[in-house]
Amino acid sequence: MSADTSPVDLSHLDRYTGGNEALNREILALFSTQAEELFAGLRKANQAGDDKRWREHAHALKGGARGIGAFGIGELAATLEKQSPKGYGAKRGLAALADEMRLVANFIALYRRS
């Protein structure tokens, strides 16, 4: 897949790993675990209306996603970071983020098996 159609820009990640596929796999696995934990934290913060935790989790997810080249997740997390967890936009944003995270998770699973 090209960077234009892929949910993870591997050329971006390669700039940090020197194209080392084993290292890419390890970093992507770590991101998958971290992303799921942060998404769960966002959902809890949404349910509790906790602005502080909401922003912390969104900010951490944004940084991690951008670091590995999952720019779709990064942009969605950046949008959520600016919103309140109490509004209608937060629920829609979480739904969009969940969809993008599934795409990235599937990509990572396929990449790790290749």
PDB file of N, CA and C in Angstrom:
ATOM      1  N   MET A   1       0.831  -1.183   0.000  1.00  0.00           N
ATOM      2  CA  MET A   1       0.000   0.000   0.000  1.00  0.00           C
ATOM      3  C   MET A   1       0.872   1.241   0.000  1.00  0.00           C
ATOM      4  N   SER A   2       0.412   2.264  -0.652  1.00  0.00           N
ATOM      5  CA  SER A   2       1.134   3.529  -0.621  1.00  0.00           C
ATOM      6  C   SER A   2       0.739   4.297   0.626  1.00  0.00           C
ATOM      7  N   ALA A   3       1.516   5.311   0.943  1.00  0.00           N
ATOM      8  CA  ALA A   3       1.214   6.141   2.105  1.00  0.00           C
ATOM      9  C   ALA A   3      -0.135   6.834   1.929  1.00  0.00           C
ATOM     10  N   ASP A   4      -0.553   7.058   0.658  1.00  0.00           N
ATOM     11  CA  ASP A   4      -1.821   7.734   0.407  1.00  0.00           C
ATOM     12  C   ASP A   4      -3.018   6.870   0.775  1.00  0.00           C
ATOM     13  N   THR A   5      -2.896   5.557   0.699  1.00  0.00           N
ATOM     14  CA  THR A   5      -4.032   4.685   0.962  1.00  0.00           C
ATOM     15  C   THR A   5      -3.886   3.890   2.249  1.00  0.00           C
ATOM     16  N   SER A   6      -2.730   3.911   2.834  1.00  0.00           N
ATOM     17  CA  SER A   6      -2.462   3.130   4.030  1.00  0.00           C
ATOM     18  C   SER A   6      -2.802   3.922   5.286  1.00  0.00           C
ATOM     19  N   PRO A   7      -3.390   3.266   6.288  1.00  0.00           N
ATOM     20  CA  PRO A   7      -3.672   3.973   7.540  1.00  0.00           C
ATOM     21  C   PRO A   7      -2.423   4.243   8.370  1.00  0.00           C
ATOM     22  N   VAL A   8      -1.289   3.643   7.986  1.00  0.00           N
ATOM     23  CA  VAL A   8      -0.008   3.902   8.645  1.00  0.00           C
ATOM     24  C   VAL A   8       1.019   4.216   7.560  1.00  0.00           C
ATOM     25  N   ASP A   9       1.663   5.348   7.691  1.00  0.00           N
ATOM     26  CA  ASP A   9       2.686   5.773   6.743  1.00  0.00           C
ATOM     27  C   ASP A   9       4.014   5.151   7.174  1.00  0.00           C
ATOM     28  N   LEU A  10       4.324   4.000   6.598  1.00  0.00           N
ATOM     29  CA  LEU A  10       5.541   3.286   6.980  1.00  0.00           C
ATOM     30  C   LEU A  10       6.806   4.050   6.608  1.00  0.00           C
ATOM     31  N   SER A  11       6.754   4.871   5.579  1.00  0.00           N
ATOM     32  CA  SER A  11       7.941   5.654   5.234  1.00  0.00           C
ATOM     33  C   SER A  11       8.254   6.645   6.356  1.00  0.00           C
ATOM     34  N   HIS A  12       7.225   7.147   7.027  1.00  0.00           N
ATOM     35  CA  HIS A  12       7.433   8.028   8.182  1.00  0.00           C
ATOM     36  C   HIS A  12       8.096   7.240   9.316  1.00  0.00           C
ATOM     37  N   LEU A  13       7.572   6.075   9.614  1.00  0.00           N
ATOM     38  CA  LEU A  13       8.143   5.242  10.668  1.00  0.00           C
ATOM     39  C   LEU A  13       9.572   4.836  10.320  1.00  0.00           C
ATOM     40  N   ASP A  14       9.805   4.521   9.054  1.00  0.00           N
ATOM     41  CA  ASP A  14      11.141   4.108   8.613  1.00  0.00           C
ATOM     42  C   ASP A  14      12.202   5.179   8.855  1.00  0.00           C
ATOM     43  N   ARG A  15      11.798   6.447   8.850  1.00  0.00           N
ATOM     44  CA  ARG A  15      12.758   7.521   9.121  1.00  0.00           C
ATOM     45  C   ARG A  15      13.351   7.398  10.519  1.00  0.00           C
ATOM     46  N   TYR A  16      12.609   6.804  11.423  1.00  0.00           N
ATOM     47  CA  TYR A  16      13.074   6.656  12.804  1.00  0.00           C
ATOM     48  C   TYR A  16      13.717   5.298  13.063  1.00  0.00           C
ATOM     49  N   THR A  17      13.353   4.314  12.248  1.00  0.00           N
ATOM     50  CA  THR A  17      13.851   2.956  12.485  1.00  0.00           C
ATOM     51  C   THR A  17      14.887   2.528  11.456  1.00  0.00           C
ATOM     52  N   GLY A  18      15.153   3.375  10.491  1.00  0.00           N
ATOM     53  CA  GLY A  18      16.087   3.010   9.436  1.00  0.00           C
ATOM     54  C   GLY A  18      15.545   1.905   8.542  1.00  0.00           C
ATOM     55  N   GLY A  19      14.233   1.704   8.575  1.00  0.00           N
ATOM     56  CA  GLY A  19      13.624   0.660   7.753  1.00  0.00           C
ATOM     57  C   GLY A  19      13.759  -0.738   8.336  1.00  0.00           C
ATOM     58  N   ASN A  20      14.173  -0.842   9.574  1.00  0.00           N
ATOM     59  CA  ASN A  20      14.331  -2.136  10.238  1.00  0.00           C
ATOM     60  C   ASN A  20      12.942  -2.724  10.506  1.00  0.00           C
ATOM     61  N   GLU A  21      12.596  -3.752   9.751  1.00  0.00           N
ATOM     62  CA  GLU A  21      11.247  -4.309   9.848  1.00  0.00           C
ATOM     63  C   GLU A  21      10.957  -4.922  11.207  1.00  0.00           C
ATOM     64  N   ALA A  22      11.939  -5.553  11.820  1.00  0.00           N
ATOM     65  CA  ALA A  22      11.722  -6.133  13.159  1.00  0.00           C
ATOM     66  C   ALA A  22      11.416  -5.028  14.166  1.00  0.00           C
ATOM     67  N   LEU A  23      12.137  -3.930  14.064  1.00  0.00           N
ATOM     68  CA  LEU A  23      11.886  -2.802  14.957  1.00  0.00           C
ATOM     69  C   LEU A  23      10.528  -2.170  14.656  1.00  0.00           C
ATOM     70  N   ASN A  24      10.187  -2.049  13.382  1.00  0.00           N
ATOM     71  CA  ASN A  24       8.863  -1.548  13.006  1.00  0.00           C
ATOM     72  C   ASN A  24       7.765  -2.403  13.639  1.00  0.00           C
ATOM     73  N   ARG A  25       7.906  -3.717  13.542  1.00  0.00           N
ATOM     74  CA  ARG A  25       6.899  -4.616  14.107  1.00  0.00           C
ATOM     75  C   ARG A  25       6.766  -4.414  15.619  1.00  0.00           C
ATOM     76  N   GLU A  26       7.909  -4.279  16.284  1.00  0.00           N
ATOM     77  CA  GLU A  26       7.888  -4.099  17.736  1.00  0.00           C
ATOM     78  C   GLU A  26       7.215  -2.774  18.117  1.00  0.00           C
ATOM     79  N   ILE A  27       7.576  -1.709  17.420  1.00  0.00           N
ATOM     80  CA  ILE A  27       6.986  -0.393  17.705  1.00  0.00           C
ATOM     81  C   ILE A  27       5.493  -0.399  17.417  1.00  0.00           C
ATOM     82  N   LEU A  28       5.085  -1.004  16.319  1.00  0.00           N
ATOM     83  CA  LEU A  28       3.670  -1.063  15.977  1.00  0.00           C
ATOM     84  C   LEU A  28       2.882  -1.884  16.999  1.00  0.00           C
ATOM     85  N   ALA A  29       3.479  -2.960  17.501  1.00  0.00           N
ATOM     86  CA  ALA A  29       2.819  -3.759  18.541  1.00  0.00           C
ATOM     87  C   ALA A  29       2.649  -2.938  19.815  1.00  0.00           C
ATOM     88  N   LEU A  30       3.686  -2.200  20.193  1.00  0.00           N
ATOM     89  CA  LEU A  30       3.597  -1.350  21.383  1.00  0.00           C
ATOM     90  C   LEU A  30       2.532  -0.276  21.199  1.00  0.00           C
ATOM     91  N   PHE A  31       2.499   0.320  20.011  1.00  0.00           N
ATOM     92  CA  PHE A  31       1.480   1.331  19.747  1.00  0.00           C
ATOM     93  C   PHE A  31       0.079   0.742  19.862  1.00  0.00           C
ATOM     94  N   SER A  32      -0.122  -0.451  19.321  1.00  0.00           N
ATOM     95  CA  SER A  32      -1.450  -1.081  19.377  1.00  0.00           C
ATOM     96  C   SER A  32      -1.942  -1.205  20.810  1.00  0.00           C
ATOM     97  N   THR A  33      -1.062  -1.675  21.677  1.00  0.00           N
ATOM     98  CA  THR A  33      -1.428  -1.834  23.087  1.00  0.00           C
ATOM     99  C   THR A  33      -1.725  -0.480  23.710  1.00  0.00           C
ATOM    100  N   GLN A  34      -0.834   0.476  23.490  1.00  0.00           N
ATOM    101  CA  GLN A  34      -1.010   1.815  24.061  1.00  0.00           C
ATOM    102  C   GLN A  34      -2.292   2.468  23.539  1.00  0.00           C
ATOM    103  N   ALA A  35      -2.539   2.362  22.252  1.00  0.00           N
ATOM    104  CA  ALA A  35      -3.713   2.994  21.650  1.00  0.00           C
ATOM    105  C   ALA A  35      -5.006   2.438  22.237  1.00  0.00           C
ATOM    106  N   GLU A  36      -5.070   1.137  22.425  1.00  0.00           N
ATOM    107  CA  GLU A  36      -6.270   0.535  23.009  1.00  0.00           C
ATOM    108  C   GLU A  36      -6.497   1.025  24.442  1.00  0.00           C
ATOM    109  N   GLU A  37      -5.412   1.124  25.204  1.00  0.00           N
ATOM    110  CA  GLU A  37      -5.525   1.620  26.580  1.00  0.00           C
ATOM    111  C   GLU A  37      -5.977   3.079  26.606  1.00  0.00           C
ATOM    112  N   LEU A  38      -5.421   3.886  25.727  1.00  0.00           N
ATOM    113  CA  LEU A  38      -5.791   5.293  25.675  1.00  0.00           C
ATOM    114  C   LEU A  38      -7.222   5.473  25.194  1.00  0.00           C
ATOM    115  N   PHE A  39      -7.643   4.656  24.233  1.00  0.00           N
ATOM    116  CA  PHE A  39      -9.025   4.738  23.759  1.00  0.00           C
ATOM    117  C   PHE A  39      -9.992   4.358  24.881  1.00  0.00           C
ATOM    118  N   ALA A  40      -9.658   3.320  25.633  1.00  0.00           N
ATOM    119  CA  ALA A  40     -10.503   2.933  26.771  1.00  0.00           C
ATOM    120  C   ALA A  40     -10.570   4.082  27.782  1.00  0.00           C
ATOM    121  N   GLY A  41      -9.441   4.754  28.004  1.00  0.00           N
ATOM    122  CA  GLY A  41      -9.425   5.897  28.903  1.00  0.00           C
ATOM    123  C   GLY A  41     -10.289   7.042  28.390  1.00  0.00           C
ATOM    124  N   LEU A  42     -10.275   7.269  27.072  1.00  0.00           N
ATOM    125  CA  LEU A  42     -11.142   8.292  26.486  1.00  0.00           C
ATOM    126  C   LEU A  42     -12.618   7.959  26.701  1.00  0.00           C
ATOM    127  N   ARG A  43     -12.959   6.708  26.510  1.00  0.00           N
ATOM    128  CA  ARG A  43     -14.363   6.305  26.709  1.00  0.00           C
ATOM    129  C   ARG A  43     -14.788   6.517  28.157  1.00  0.00           C
ATOM    130  N   LYS A  44     -13.918   6.156  29.093  1.00  0.00           N
ATOM    131  CA  LYS A  44     -14.235   6.357  30.511  1.00  0.00           C
ATOM    132  C   LYS A  44     -14.352   7.841  30.838  1.00  0.00           C
ATOM    133  N   ALA A  45     -13.440   8.636  30.299  1.00  0.00           N
ATOM    134  CA  ALA A  45     -13.488  10.079  30.542  1.00  0.00           C
ATOM    135  C   ALA A  45     -14.749  10.682  29.944  1.00  0.00           C
ATOM    136  N   ASN A  46     -15.168  10.167  28.794  1.00  0.00           N
ATOM    137  CA  ASN A  46     -16.411  10.620  28.171  1.00  0.00           C
ATOM    138  C   ASN A  46     -17.601  10.307  29.062  1.00  0.00           C
ATOM    139  N   GLN A  47     -17.655   9.090  29.554  1.00  0.00           N
ATOM    140  CA  GLN A  47     -18.768   8.679  30.410  1.00  0.00           C
ATOM    141  C   GLN A  47     -18.807   9.471  31.710  1.00  0.00           C
ATOM    142  N   ALA A  48     -17.624   9.786  32.243  1.00  0.00           N
ATOM    143  CA  ALA A  48     -17.541  10.517  33.510  1.00  0.00           C
ATOM    144  C   ALA A  48     -17.581  12.029  33.312  1.00  0.00           C
ATOM    145  N   GLY A  49     -17.456  12.494  32.076  1.00  0.00           N
ATOM    146  CA  GLY A  49     -17.393  13.925  31.828  1.00  0.00           C
ATOM    147  C   GLY A  49     -16.127  14.559  32.396  1.00  0.00           C
ATOM    148  N   ASP A  50     -15.047  13.797  32.404  1.00  0.00           N
ATOM    149  CA  ASP A  50     -13.781  14.214  33.007  1.00  0.00           C
ATOM    150  C   ASP A  50     -12.908  14.916  31.963  1.00  0.00           C
ATOM    151  N   ASP A  51     -12.944  16.252  31.984  1.00  0.00           N
ATOM    152  CA  ASP A  51     -12.198  17.040  30.998  1.00  0.00           C
ATOM    153  C   ASP A  51     -10.697  16.793  31.060  1.00  0.00           C
ATOM    154  N   LYS A  52     -10.128  16.729  32.244  1.00  0.00           N
ATOM    155  CA  LYS A  52      -8.678  16.581  32.404  1.00  0.00           C
ATOM    156  C   LYS A  52      -8.194  15.251  31.817  1.00  0.00           C
ATOM    157  N   ARG A  53      -8.820  14.155  32.233  1.00  0.00           N
ATOM    158  CA  ARG A  53      -8.415  12.838  31.695  1.00  0.00           C
ATOM    159  C   ARG A  53      -8.664  12.766  30.192  1.00  0.00           C
ATOM    160  N   TRP A  54      -9.769  13.342  29.743  1.00  0.00           N
ATOM    161  CA  TRP A  54     -10.102  13.366  28.315  1.00  0.00           C
ATOM    162  C   TRP A  54      -8.959  13.975  27.512  1.00  0.00           C
ATOM    163  N   ARG A  55      -8.512  15.152  27.935  1.00  0.00           N
ATOM    164  CA  ARG A  55      -7.449  15.847  27.209  1.00  0.00           C
ATOM    165  C   ARG A  55      -6.114  15.110  27.319  1.00  0.00           C
ATOM    166  N   GLU A  56      -5.822  14.566  28.485  1.00  0.00           N
ATOM    167  CA  GLU A  56      -4.569  13.813  28.652  1.00  0.00           C
ATOM    168  C   GLU A  56      -4.514  12.602  27.737  1.00  0.00           C
ATOM    169  N   HIS A  57      -5.608  11.841  27.691  1.00  0.00           N
ATOM    170  CA  HIS A  57      -5.636  10.635  26.857  1.00  0.00           C
ATOM    171  C   HIS A  57      -5.609  10.996  25.366  1.00  0.00           C
ATOM    172  N   ALA A  58      -6.369  12.013  24.984  1.00  0.00           N
ATOM    173  CA  ALA A  58      -6.386  12.427  23.582  1.00  0.00           C
ATOM    174  C   ALA A  58      -5.005  12.930  23.160  1.00  0.00           C
ATOM    175  N   HIS A  59      -4.361  13.699  24.025  1.00  0.00           N
ATOM    176  CA  HIS A  59      -3.032  14.235  23.713  1.00  0.00           C
ATOM    177  C   HIS A  59      -2.011  13.104  23.552  1.00  0.00           C
ATOM    178  N   ALA A  60      -2.026  12.151  24.460  1.00  0.00           N
ATOM    179  CA  ALA A  60      -1.083  11.029  24.381  1.00  0.00           C
ATOM    180  C   ALA A  60      -1.330  10.191  23.126  1.00  0.00           C
ATOM    181  N   LEU A  61      -2.591   9.955  22.804  1.00  0.00           N
ATOM    182  CA  LEU A  61      -2.919   9.182  21.601  1.00  0.00           C
ATOM    183  C   LEU A  61      -2.479   9.936  20.351  1.00  0.00           C
ATOM    184  N   LYS A  62      -2.708  11.227  20.327  1.00  0.00           N
ATOM    185  CA  LYS A  62      -2.288  12.061  19.191  1.00  0.00           C
ATOM    186  C   LYS A  62      -0.784  11.924  18.963  1.00  0.00           C
ATOM    187  N   GLY A  63      -0.005  12.065  20.012  1.00  0.00           N
ATOM    188  CA  GLY A  63       1.450  11.992  19.878  1.00  0.00           C
ATOM    189  C   GLY A  63       1.941  10.629  19.446  1.00  0.00           C
ATOM    190  N   GLY A  64       1.405   9.593  20.052  1.00  0.00           N
ATOM    191  CA  GLY A  64       1.808   8.238  19.690  1.00  0.00           C
ATOM    192  C   GLY A  64       1.463   7.904  18.253  1.00  0.00           C
ATOM    193  N   ALA A  65       0.269   8.293  17.841  1.00  0.00           N
ATOM    194  CA  ALA A  65      -0.181   8.001  16.478  1.00  0.00           C
ATOM    195  C   ALA A  65       0.670   8.738  15.448  1.00  0.00           C
ATOM    196  N   ARG A  66       0.906   9.995  15.705  1.00  0.00           N
ATOM    197  CA  ARG A  66       1.720  10.768  14.766  1.00  0.00           C
ATOM    198  C   ARG A  66       3.146  10.233  14.713  1.00  0.00           C
ATOM    199  N   GLY A  67       3.648   9.741  15.828  1.00  0.00           N
ATOM    200  CA  GLY A  67       4.999   9.203  15.874  1.00  0.00           C
ATOM    201  C   GLY A  67       5.196   7.994  14.985  1.00  0.00           C
ATOM    202  N   ILE A  68       4.181   7.151  14.865  1.00  0.00           N
ATOM    203  CA  ILE A  68       4.324   5.951  14.036  1.00  0.00           C
ATOM    204  C   ILE A  68       3.806   6.144  12.615  1.00  0.00           C
ATOM    205  N   GLY A  69       3.185   7.303  12.357  1.00  0.00           N
ATOM    206  CA  GLY A  69       2.645   7.548  11.025  1.00  0.00           C
ATOM    207  C   GLY A  69       1.187   7.190  10.861  1.00  0.00           C
ATOM    208  N   ALA A  70       0.464   7.028  11.965  1.00  0.00           N
ATOM    209  CA  ALA A  70      -0.990   6.783  11.906  1.00  0.00           C
ATOM    210  C   ALA A  70      -1.675   8.145  11.979  1.00  0.00           C
ATOM    211  N   PHE A  71      -1.555   8.899  10.907  1.00  0.00           N
ATOM    212  CA  PHE A  71      -1.969  10.297  10.917  1.00  0.00           C
ATOM    213  C   PHE A  71      -3.484  10.485  11.037  1.00  0.00           C
ATOM    214  N   GLY A  72      -4.266   9.517  10.577  1.00  0.00           N
ATOM    215  CA  GLY A  72      -5.717   9.605  10.735  1.00  0.00           C
ATOM    216  C   GLY A  72      -6.105   9.603  12.207  1.00  0.00           C
ATOM    217  N   ILE A  73      -5.521   8.684  12.965  1.00  0.00           N
ATOM    218  CA  ILE A  73      -5.763   8.643  14.407  1.00  0.00           C
ATOM    219  C   ILE A  73      -5.257   9.931  15.046  1.00  0.00           C
ATOM    220  N   GLY A  74      -4.088  10.377  14.634  1.00  0.00           N
ATOM    221  CA  GLY A  74      -3.520  11.597  15.196  1.00  0.00           C
ATOM    222  C   GLY A  74      -4.415  12.807  15.010  1.00  0.00           C
ATOM    223  N   GLU A  75      -4.978  12.945  13.830  1.00  0.00           N
ATOM    224  CA  GLU A  75      -5.848  14.094  13.567  1.00  0.00           C
ATOM    225  C   GLU A  75      -7.164  13.998  14.342  1.00  0.00           C
ATOM    226  N   LEU A  76      -7.718  12.808  14.405  1.00  0.00           N
ATOM    227  CA  LEU A  76      -8.963  12.641  15.168  1.00  0.00           C
ATOM    228  C   LEU A  76      -8.725  12.900  16.657  1.00  0.00           C
ATOM    229  N   ALA A  77      -7.608  12.415  17.176  1.00  0.00           N
ATOM    230  CA  ALA A  77      -7.286  12.646  18.585  1.00  0.00           C
ATOM    231  C   ALA A  77      -7.047  14.137  18.847  1.00  0.00           C
ATOM    232  N   ALA A  78      -6.418  14.829  17.892  1.00  0.00           N
ATOM    233  CA  ALA A  78      -6.189  16.269  18.040  1.00  0.00           C
ATOM    234  C   ALA A  78      -7.521  17.018  18.115  1.00  0.00           C
ATOM    235  N   THR A  79      -8.477  16.598  17.316  1.00  0.00           N
ATOM    236  CA  THR A  79      -9.805  17.216  17.345  1.00  0.00           C
ATOM    237  C   THR A  79     -10.484  16.948  18.686  1.00  0.00           C
ATOM    238  N   LEU A  80     -10.406  15.714  19.154  1.00  0.00           N
ATOM    239  CA  LEU A  80     -11.020  15.381  20.437  1.00  0.00           C
ATOM    240  C   LEU A  80     -10.379  16.152  21.585  1.00  0.00           C
ATOM    241  N   GLU A  81      -9.084  16.350  21.505  1.00  0.00           N
ATOM    242  CA  GLU A  81      -8.348  17.046  22.565  1.00  0.00           C
ATOM    243  C   GLU A  81      -8.910  18.460  22.782  1.00  0.00           C
ATOM    244  N   LYS A  82      -9.420  19.064  21.734  1.00  0.00           N
ATOM    245  CA  LYS A  82      -9.951  20.430  21.805  1.00  0.00           C
ATOM    246  C   LYS A  82     -11.410  20.476  22.246  1.00  0.00           C
ATOM    247  N   GLN A  83     -12.068  19.331  22.316  1.00  0.00           N
ATOM    248  CA  GLN A  83     -13.488  19.286  22.649  1.00  0.00           C
ATOM    249  C   GLN A  83     -13.703  18.919  24.109  1.00  0.00           C
ATOM    250  N   SER A  84     -14.916  19.135  24.538  1.00  0.00           N
ATOM    251  CA  SER A  84     -15.324  18.667  25.861  1.00  0.00           C
ATOM    252  C   SER A  84     -15.815  17.229  25.732  1.00  0.00           C
ATOM    253  N   PRO A  85     -15.549  16.397  26.722  1.00  0.00           N
ATOM    254  CA  PRO A  85     -16.047  15.029  26.656  1.00  0.00           C
ATOM    255  C   PRO A  85     -17.563  14.942  26.871  1.00  0.00           C
ATOM    256  N   LYS A  86     -18.176  16.062  27.204  1.00  0.00           N
ATOM    257  CA  LYS A  86     -19.598  16.056  27.562  1.00  0.00           C
ATOM    258  C   LYS A  86     -20.530  16.297  26.379  1.00  0.00           C
ATOM    259  N   GLY A  87     -19.999  16.763  25.267  1.00  0.00           N
ATOM    260  CA  GLY A  87     -20.851  17.155  24.158  1.00  0.00           C
ATOM    261  C   GLY A  87     -21.146  16.041  23.161  1.00  0.00           C
ATOM    262  N   TYR A  88     -22.098  16.322  22.296  1.00  0.00           N
ATOM    263  CA  TYR A  88     -22.484  15.384  21.244  1.00  0.00           C
ATOM    264  C   TYR A  88     -21.314  15.118  20.306  1.00  0.00           C
ATOM    265  N   GLY A  89     -20.503  16.130  20.044  1.00  0.00           N
ATOM    266  CA  GLY A  89     -19.355  15.969  19.163  1.00  0.00           C
ATOM    267  C   GLY A  89     -18.363  14.947  19.683  1.00  0.00           C
ATOM    268  N   ALA A  90     -18.275  14.815  21.000  1.00  0.00           N
ATOM    269  CA  ALA A  90     -17.348  13.848  21.589  1.00  0.00           C
ATOM    270  C   ALA A  90     -17.765  12.422  21.231  1.00  0.00           C
ATOM    271  N   LYS A  91     -19.039  12.132  21.303  1.00  0.00           N
ATOM    272  CA  LYS A  91     -19.509  10.779  20.973  1.00  0.00           C
ATOM    273  C   LYS A  91     -19.284  10.476  19.488  1.00  0.00           C
ATOM    274  N   ARG A  92     -19.550  11.451  18.644  1.00  0.00           N
ATOM    275  CA  ARG A  92     -19.308  11.259  17.208  1.00  0.00           C
ATOM    276  C   ARG A  92     -17.821  11.105  16.935  1.00  0.00           C
ATOM    277  N   GLY A  93     -17.017  11.898  17.625  1.00  0.00           N
ATOM    278  CA  GLY A  93     -15.572  11.811  17.464  1.00  0.00           C
ATOM    279  C   GLY A  93     -15.026  10.465  17.911  1.00  0.00           C
ATOM    280  N   LEU A  94     -15.550   9.950  19.026  1.00  0.00           N
ATOM    281  CA  LEU A  94     -15.129   8.625  19.497  1.00  0.00           C
ATOM    282  C   LEU A  94     -15.509   7.547  18.490  1.00  0.00           C
ATOM    283  N   ALA A  95     -16.672   7.675  17.879  1.00  0.00           N
ATOM    284  CA  ALA A  95     -17.098   6.686  16.884  1.00  0.00           C
ATOM    285  C   ALA A  95     -16.169   6.722  15.668  1.00  0.00           C
ATOM    286  N   ALA A  96     -15.826   7.919  15.210  1.00  0.00           N
ATOM    287  CA  ALA A  96     -14.907   8.051  14.076  1.00  0.00           C
ATOM    288  C   ALA A  96     -13.527   7.515  14.448  1.00  0.00           C
ATOM    289  N   LEU A  97     -13.089   7.811  15.662  1.00  0.00           N
ATOM    290  CA  LEU A  97     -11.790   7.311  16.130  1.00  0.00           C
ATOM    291  C   LEU A  97     -11.796   5.790  16.198  1.00  0.00           C
ATOM    292  N   ALA A  98     -12.876   5.203  16.680  1.00  0.00           N
ATOM    293  CA  ALA A  98     -12.967   3.739  16.754  1.00  0.00           C
ATOM    294  C   ALA A  98     -12.837   3.124  15.358  1.00  0.00           C
ATOM    295  N   ASP A  99     -13.475   3.735  14.375  1.00  0.00           N
ATOM    296  CA  ASP A  99     -13.385   3.230  13.001  1.00  0.00           C
ATOM    297  C   ASP A  99     -11.944   3.292  12.486  1.00  0.00           C
ATOM    298  N   GLU A 100     -11.288   4.426  12.710  1.00  0.00           N
ATOM    299  CA  GLU A 100      -9.904   4.581  12.242  1.00  0.00           C
ATOM    300  C   GLU A 100      -8.972   3.630  12.984  1.00  0.00           C
ATOM    301  N   MET A 101      -9.225   3.441  14.261  1.00  0.00           N
ATOM    302  CA  MET A 101      -8.379   2.530  15.039  1.00  0.00           C
ATOM    303  C   MET A 101      -8.512   1.093  14.538  1.00  0.00           C
ATOM    304  N   ARG A 102      -9.702   0.707  14.096  1.00  0.00           N
ATOM    305  CA  ARG A 102      -9.876  -0.637  13.519  1.00  0.00           C
ATOM    306  C   ARG A 102      -9.050  -0.790  12.246  1.00  0.00           C
ATOM    307  N   LEU A 103      -9.069   0.242  11.412  1.00  0.00           N
ATOM    308  CA  LEU A 103      -8.267   0.196  10.183  1.00  0.00           C
ATOM    309  C   LEU A 103      -6.784   0.047  10.509  1.00  0.00           C
ATOM    310  N   VAL A 104      -6.312   0.827  11.464  1.00  0.00           N
ATOM    311  CA  VAL A 104      -4.901   0.773  11.844  1.00  0.00           C
ATOM    312  C   VAL A 104      -4.572  -0.571  12.479  1.00  0.00           C
ATOM    313  N   ALA A 105      -5.433  -1.060  13.347  1.00  0.00           N
ATOM    314  CA  ALA A 105      -5.187  -2.352  13.997  1.00  0.00           C
ATOM    315  C   ALA A 105      -5.107  -3.473  12.965  1.00  0.00           C
ATOM    316  N   ASN A 106      -5.992  -3.451  11.980  1.00  0.00           N
ATOM    317  CA  ASN A 106      -5.952  -4.460  10.919  1.00  0.00           C
ATOM    318  C   ASN A 106      -4.665  -4.350  10.103  1.00  0.00           C
ATOM    319  N   PHE A 107      -4.273  -3.128   9.772  1.00  0.00           N
ATOM    320  CA  PHE A 107      -3.034  -2.908   9.040  1.00  0.00           C
ATOM    321  C   PHE A 107      -1.844  -3.457   9.828  1.00  0.00           C
ATOM    322  N   ILE A 108      -1.788  -3.139  11.113  1.00  0.00           N
ATOM    323  CA  ILE A 108      -0.676  -3.575  11.949  1.00  0.00           C
ATOM    324  C   ILE A 108      -0.649  -5.097  12.044  1.00  0.00           C
ATOM    325  N   ALA A 109      -1.801  -5.704  12.220  1.00  0.00           N
ATOM    326  CA  ALA A 109      -1.852  -7.164  12.304  1.00  0.00           C
ATOM    327  C   ALA A 109      -1.319  -7.797  11.023  1.00  0.00           C
ATOM    328  N   LEU A 110      -1.712  -7.282   9.885  1.00  0.00           N
ATOM    329  CA  LEU A 110      -1.225  -7.807   8.600  1.00  0.00           C
ATOM    330  C   LEU A 110       0.269  -7.558   8.440  1.00  0.00           C
ATOM    331  N   TYR A 111       0.727  -6.386   8.802  1.00  0.00           N
ATOM    332  CA  TYR A 111       2.146  -6.056   8.675  1.00  0.00           C
ATOM    333  C   TYR A 111       2.985  -6.969   9.579  1.00  0.00           C
ATOM    334  N   ARG A 112       2.522  -7.201  10.767  1.00  0.00           N
ATOM    335  CA  ARG A 112       3.298  -8.033  11.712  1.00  0.00           C
ATOM    336  C   ARG A 112       3.360  -9.485  11.253  1.00  0.00           C
ATOM    337  N   ARG A 113       2.383  -9.931  10.472  1.00  0.00           N
ATOM    338  CA  ARG A 113       2.400 -11.316   9.969  1.00  0.00           C
ATOM    339  C   ARG A 113       3.208 -11.463   8.702  1.00  0.00           C
ATOM    340  N   SER A 114       3.523 -10.356   8.050  1.00  0.00           N
ATOM    341  CA  SER A 114       4.240 -10.452   6.755  1.00  0.00           C
ATOM    342  C   SER A 114       5.720 -10.711   6.940  1.00  0.00           C
TER     343      SER A 114
END
